[in-house]
Amino acid sequence: MDDINMDFLTGEGSSLNATGDRLDAIERTELRMEGNRIDDIRHQFSNEYNGYKGQPIP
């Protein structure tokens, strides 16, 4: 059980690690989010879309 960790499941220890340098899921997500202003994007969409109906606000 000590061998089960994020790297083993999703990173270099994963069977999906074809090239030998696979980052784990957390590291890949952090790289994708780098430079994005998530709070600004969330605020923009909350002003543009009605969350209850899933439609643009007229």
Protein backbone atom coordinates (compact mmCIF):
# COMPACT_ATOMS: atom_id res chain seq x y z
CA MET A 1 0.00 0.00 0.00
CA ASP A 2 2.94 2.37 0.52
CA ASP A 3 3.57 2.33 -3.23
CA ILE A 4 0.16 3.80 -4.07
CA ASN A 5 0.50 7.55 -4.49
CA MET A 6 -0.33 10.22 -7.06
CA ASP A 7 2.87 9.59 -9.03
CA PHE A 8 2.26 5.84 -9.13
CA LEU A 9 -1.36 6.25 -10.24
CA THR A 10 -1.05 9.12 -12.74
CA GLY A 11 2.64 9.99 -13.20
CA GLU A 12 5.90 8.16 -13.86
CA GLY A 13 4.63 5.00 -12.16
CA SER A 14 1.56 4.83 -14.39
CA SER A 15 1.25 2.33 -17.23
CA LEU A 16 0.49 5.37 -19.42
CA ASN A 17 4.06 6.62 -18.94
CA ALA A 18 5.31 5.82 -22.46
CA THR A 19 8.22 8.29 -22.54
CA GLY A 20 9.44 7.93 -18.95
CA ASP A 21 8.81 11.53 -17.94
CA ARG A 22 5.05 11.66 -17.32
CA LEU A 23 3.99 14.28 -14.78
CA ASP A 24 1.30 13.34 -12.27
CA ALA A 25 -2.24 14.71 -12.60
CA ILE A 26 -1.68 17.54 -10.15
CA GLU A 27 1.47 18.75 -11.92
CA ARG A 28 -0.21 18.56 -15.35
CA THR A 29 -3.22 20.52 -14.07
CA GLU A 30 -1.00 23.18 -12.51
CA LEU A 31 0.83 23.61 -15.83
CA ARG A 32 -2.48 23.95 -17.74
CA MET A 33 -3.73 26.55 -15.26
CA GLU A 34 -0.50 28.55 -15.24
CA GLY A 35 -1.13 32.08 -16.49
CA ASN A 36 -4.92 31.74 -16.40
CA ARG A 37 -6.84 34.20 -14.30
CA ILE A 38 -9.46 31.77 -13.05
CA ASP A 39 -11.27 34.25 -10.78
CA ASP A 40 -11.58 36.78 -13.62
CA ILE A 41 -12.93 34.11 -15.97
CA ARG A 42 -15.39 32.87 -13.34
CA HIS A 43 -16.61 36.43 -12.72
CA GLN A 44 -17.02 37.08 -16.46
CA PHE A 45 -19.14 33.96 -16.98
CA SER A 46 -21.23 34.60 -13.88
CA ASN A 47 -22.16 37.96 -15.41
CA GLU A 48 -22.89 36.46 -18.85
CA TYR A 49 -24.75 33.21 -18.07
CA ASN A 50 -27.75 32.35 -15.93
CA GLY A 51 -26.54 29.46 -13.80
CA TYR A 52 -30.05 28.25 -13.09
CA LYS A 53 -31.07 27.88 -16.72
CA GLY A 54 -27.65 27.41 -18.34
CA GLN A 55 -28.48 30.07 -20.92
CA PRO A 56 -27.00 33.46 -21.77
CA ILE A 57 -28.51 36.38 -19.89
CA PRO A 58 -30.60 38.45 -22.34
